C-alpha atoms as a PDB file:
ATOM      1  CA  MET A   1       0.000   0.000   0.000  1.00  0.00           C
ATOM      2  CA  ALA A   2       2.905   2.346   0.687  1.00  0.00           C
ATOM      3  CA  MET A   3       4.066   2.060  -2.917  1.00  0.00           C
ATOM      4  CA  ARG A   4       0.610   2.992  -4.205  1.00  0.00           C
ATOM      5  CA  THR A   5       0.704   6.147  -2.073  1.00  0.00           C
ATOM      6  CA  GLU A   6       4.176   6.971  -3.394  1.00  0.00           C
ATOM      7  CA  VAL A   7       2.992   6.576  -6.992  1.00  0.00           C
ATOM      8  CA  LEU A   8      -0.078   8.758  -6.404  1.00  0.00           C
ATOM      9  CA  ARG A   9       2.043  11.467  -4.747  1.00  0.00           C
ATOM     10  CA  LEU A  10       4.441  11.409  -7.672  1.00  0.00           C
ATOM     11  CA  TYR A  11       1.555  11.645 -10.150  1.00  0.00           C
ATOM     12  CA  SER A  12       0.042  14.642  -8.346  1.00  0.00           C
ATOM     13  CA  ARG A  13       3.506  16.255  -8.112  1.00  0.00           C
ATOM     14  CA  ILE A  14       3.901  15.973 -11.883  1.00  0.00           C
ATOM     15  CA  LEU A  15       0.427  17.383 -12.520  1.00  0.00           C
ATOM     16  CA  ARG A  16       1.163  20.321 -10.168  1.00  0.00           C
ATOM     17  CA  LEU A  17       4.424  20.865 -12.040  1.00  0.00           C
ATOM     18  CA  SER A  18       2.514  21.026 -15.338  1.00  0.00           C
ATOM     19  CA  ARG A  19       0.006  23.551 -13.970  1.00  0.00           C
ATOM     20  CA  GLY A  20       2.728  25.856 -12.676  1.00  0.00           C
ATOM     21  CA  TRP A  21       5.176  25.375 -15.545  1.00  0.00           C
ATOM     22  CA  VAL A  22       6.754  28.576 -16.855  1.00  0.00           C
ATOM     23  CA  ALA A  23       8.807  28.147 -20.007  1.00  0.00           C
ATOM     24  CA  THR A  24      11.788  30.270 -20.963  1.00  0.00           C
ATOM     25  CA  SER A  25       9.685  31.602 -23.840  1.00  0.00           C
ATOM     26  CA  SER A  26       6.188  32.781 -22.949  1.00  0.00           C
ATOM     27  CA  LEU A  27       4.931  31.409 -26.281  1.00  0.00           C
ATOM     28  CA  GLU A  28       5.986  27.878 -25.320  1.00  0.00           C
ATOM     29  CA  SER A  29       4.500  27.703 -21.793  1.00  0.00           C
ATOM     30  CA  GLY A  30       1.141  26.307 -22.898  1.00  0.00           C
ATOM     31  CA  VAL A  31       2.714  23.767 -25.235  1.00  0.00           C
ATOM     32  CA  GLU A  32       5.128  22.556 -22.570  1.00  0.00           C
ATOM     33  CA  ARG A  33       2.381  22.420 -19.920  1.00  0.00           C
ATOM     34  CA  ASP A  34       0.264  20.296 -22.222  1.00  0.00           C
ATOM     35  CA  TYR A  35       3.240  18.053 -23.015  1.00  0.00           C
ATOM     36  CA  ILE A  36       4.035  17.435 -19.329  1.00  0.00           C
ATOM     37  CA  LYS A  37       0.426  16.537 -18.526  1.00  0.00           C
ATOM     38  CA  ALA A  38      -0.082  14.372 -21.617  1.00  0.00           C
ATOM     39  CA  GLU A  39       3.208  12.524 -21.070  1.00  0.00           C
ATOM     40  CA  ALA A  40       2.353  11.861 -17.408  1.00  0.00           C
ATOM     41  CA  VAL A  41      -1.135  10.589 -18.215  1.00  0.00           C
ATOM     42  CA  HIS A  42       0.191   8.401 -21.044  1.00  0.00           C
ATOM     43  CA  LEU A  43       3.031   6.828 -19.041  1.00  0.00           C
ATOM     44  CA  PHE A  44       1.057   6.293 -15.835  1.00  0.00           C
ATOM     45  CA  ARG A  45      -1.746   4.602 -17.789  1.00  0.00           C
ATOM     46  CA  LYS A  46       0.748   2.548 -19.780  1.00  0.00           C
ATOM     47  CA  ASN A  47       2.372   1.293 -16.573  1.00  0.00           C
ATOM     48  CA  LYS A  48      -0.744   0.812 -14.423  1.00  0.00           C
ATOM     49  CA  GLY A  49      -0.699  -2.962 -14.878  1.00  0.00           C
ATOM     50  CA  ILE A  50       2.778  -3.419 -13.428  1.00  0.00           C
ATOM     51  CA  THR A  51       2.616  -5.402 -10.192  1.00  0.00           C
ATOM     52  CA  GLU A  52       6.238  -6.324  -9.434  1.00  0.00           C
ATOM     53  CA  ALA A  53       7.786  -4.083  -6.780  1.00  0.00           C
ATOM     54  CA  VAL A  54      11.140  -3.899  -8.583  1.00  0.00           C
ATOM     55  CA  GLU A  55       9.513  -2.699 -11.812  1.00  0.00           C
ATOM     56  CA  ILE A  56       7.382  -0.143  -9.970  1.00  0.00           C
ATOM     57  CA  LYS A  57      10.438   1.237  -8.160  1.00  0.00           C
ATOM     58  CA  GLU A  58      12.280   1.500 -11.489  1.00  0.00           C
ATOM     59  CA  ARG A  59       9.395   3.486 -13.014  1.00  0.00           C
ATOM     60  CA  ILE A  60       9.277   5.750  -9.954  1.00  0.00           C
ATOM     61  CA  ARG A  61      13.024   6.331 -10.253  1.00  0.00           C
ATOM     62  CA  GLU A  62      12.630   7.221 -13.918  1.00  0.00           C
ATOM     63  CA  ALA A  63       9.800   9.664 -13.242  1.00  0.00           C
ATOM     64  CA  GLU A  64      11.712  11.357 -10.436  1.00  0.00           C
ATOM     65  CA  ALA A  65      14.780  11.680 -12.662  1.00  0.00           C
ATOM     66  CA  ARG A  66      12.724  13.255 -15.453  1.00  0.00           C
ATOM     67  CA  VAL A  67      11.055  15.710 -13.039  1.00  0.00           C
ATOM     68  CA  THR A  68      14.395  16.689 -11.517  1.00  0.00           C
ATOM     69  CA  MET A  69      15.965  17.237 -14.940  1.00  0.00           C
ATOM     70  CA  ALA A  70      12.957  19.223 -16.176  1.00  0.00           C
ATOM     71  CA  GLU A  71      13.090  21.493 -13.135  1.00  0.00           C
ATOM     72  CA  HIS A  72      16.852  21.921 -13.320  1.00  0.00           C
ATOM     73  CA  TYR A  73      17.209  22.528 -17.059  1.00  0.00           C
ATOM     74  CA  LYS A  74      13.811  24.247 -17.481  1.00  0.00           C
ATOM     75  CA  ASN A  75      13.071  21.802 -20.295  1.00  0.00           C
ATOM     76  CA  PRO A  76      10.343  19.139 -19.933  1.00  0.00           C
ATOM     77  CA  TYR A  77      11.486  17.012 -22.878  1.00  0.00           C
ATOM     78  CA  PRO A  78      13.816  14.013 -22.385  1.00  0.00           C
ATOM     79  CA  ARG A  79      17.441  14.956 -22.952  1.00  0.00           C
ATOM     80  CA  PRO A  80      19.010  13.191 -25.936  1.00  0.00           C
ATOM     81  CA  VAL A  81      21.904  10.852 -25.316  1.00  0.00           C
ATOM     82  CA  ASN A  82      24.563   9.929 -27.833  1.00  0.00           C
ATOM     83  CA  LEU A  83      24.572   6.196 -27.315  1.00  0.00           C
ATOM     84  CA  PRO A  84      24.619   3.902 -30.318  1.00  0.00           C
ATOM     85  CA  LYS A  85      21.601   1.609 -30.525  1.00  0.00           C
ATOM     86  CA  ARG A  86      23.795  -1.423 -31.206  1.00  0.00           C
ATOM     87  CA  SER A  87      27.564  -1.303 -30.904  1.00  0.00           C
ATOM     88  CA  PHE A  88      29.378  -4.290 -32.333  1.00  0.00           C
ATOM     89  CA  SER A  89      26.468  -6.515 -31.352  1.00  0.00           C
ATOM     90  CA  LYS A  90      26.692  -8.844 -34.350  1.00  0.00           C
ATOM     91  CA  MET A  91      30.403  -8.611 -35.068  1.00  0.00           C
ATOM     92  CA  GLU A  92      31.906 -11.304 -32.909  1.00  0.00           C
ATOM     93  CA  GLY A  93      29.395 -14.047 -32.311  1.00  0.00           C
ATOM     94  CA  LYS A  94      26.254 -14.423 -30.282  1.00  0.00           C
ATOM     95  CA  LYS A  95      27.813 -14.573 -26.803  1.00  0.00           C
ATOM     96  CA  ILE A  96      29.824 -11.347 -27.198  1.00  0.00           C
ATOM     97  CA  GLY A  97      26.949  -9.712 -29.064  1.00  0.00           C
ATOM     98  CA  LYS A  98      24.546 -10.383 -26.210  1.00  0.00           C
ATOM     99  CA  ALA A  99      27.042  -9.094 -23.648  1.00  0.00           C
ATOM    100  CA  ILE A 100      27.556  -5.874 -25.564  1.00  0.00           C
ATOM    101  CA  GLN A 101      23.799  -5.460 -26.082  1.00  0.00           C
ATOM    102  CA  LYS A 102      23.264  -5.952 -22.338  1.00  0.00           C
ATOM    103  CA  MET A 103      25.959  -3.354 -21.616  1.00  0.00           C
ATOM    104  CA  ASN A 104      24.296  -0.904 -24.038  1.00  0.00           C
ATOM    105  CA  ASP A 105      20.908  -1.474 -22.382  1.00  0.00           C
ATOM    106  CA  GLN A 106      22.354  -0.945 -18.906  1.00  0.00           C
ATOM    107  CA  SER A 107      24.186   2.238 -19.929  1.00  0.00           C
ATOM    108  CA  ARG A 108      20.958   3.786 -21.203  1.00  0.00           C
ATOM    109  CA  PRO A 109      19.967   6.558 -18.776  1.00  0.00           C
ATOM    110  CA  VAL A 110      16.989   5.822 -16.552  1.00  0.00           C
ATOM    111  CA  TYR A 111      15.104   8.891 -17.745  1.00  0.00           C
ATOM    112  CA  LEU A 112      14.977   7.570 -21.325  1.00  0.00           C
ATOM    113  CA  ARG A 113      13.577   4.100 -20.624  1.00  0.00           C
ATOM    114  CA  SER A 114       9.977   5.190 -21.172  1.00  0.00           C
ATOM    115  CA  THR A 115      10.847   6.468 -24.643  1.00  0.00           C
ATOM    116  CA  ASP A 116      11.854   2.967 -25.732  1.00  0.00           C
ATOM    117  CA  SER A 117       9.410   1.059 -27.900  1.00  0.00           C
ATOM    118  CA  SER A 118       5.979   0.676 -26.338  1.00  0.00           C
END
C-alpha cells in the first residue's frame, strides 16, 4: 500500500508541475504544460498494470529523474543521449553480441527508458 501512495504522490507532483510550468519563452509555456500533462497521463496509464515491486520502483526512479531534470534545465522534454543503438552486437558471435547489447541497455539513462518502444 505504501508504494501505491508513493505513486499517487508522484503523479500529483507531476500534474502540479505542469500547472505551474513557466517556459523560458512565454509562447511555449502552454505547449510545454500540455506536453508534461499528456506525457504523465500516457506513461502512468501505460504502466498501471505493473505489479512487481522492482519494476514499480524502477518506473518511480525514472519519473523522479525526469522531473528533476525538467526542473533543473527548465526543459520538460527528455534529454538526448549519444549512445549507439547497437555497438558491435553482431560482429563477434552471439555470446559477445549479447554481452555488448546488455551493456548498451544498462548504460541507457533511466530517464529515457519510457521512450523505448511501447
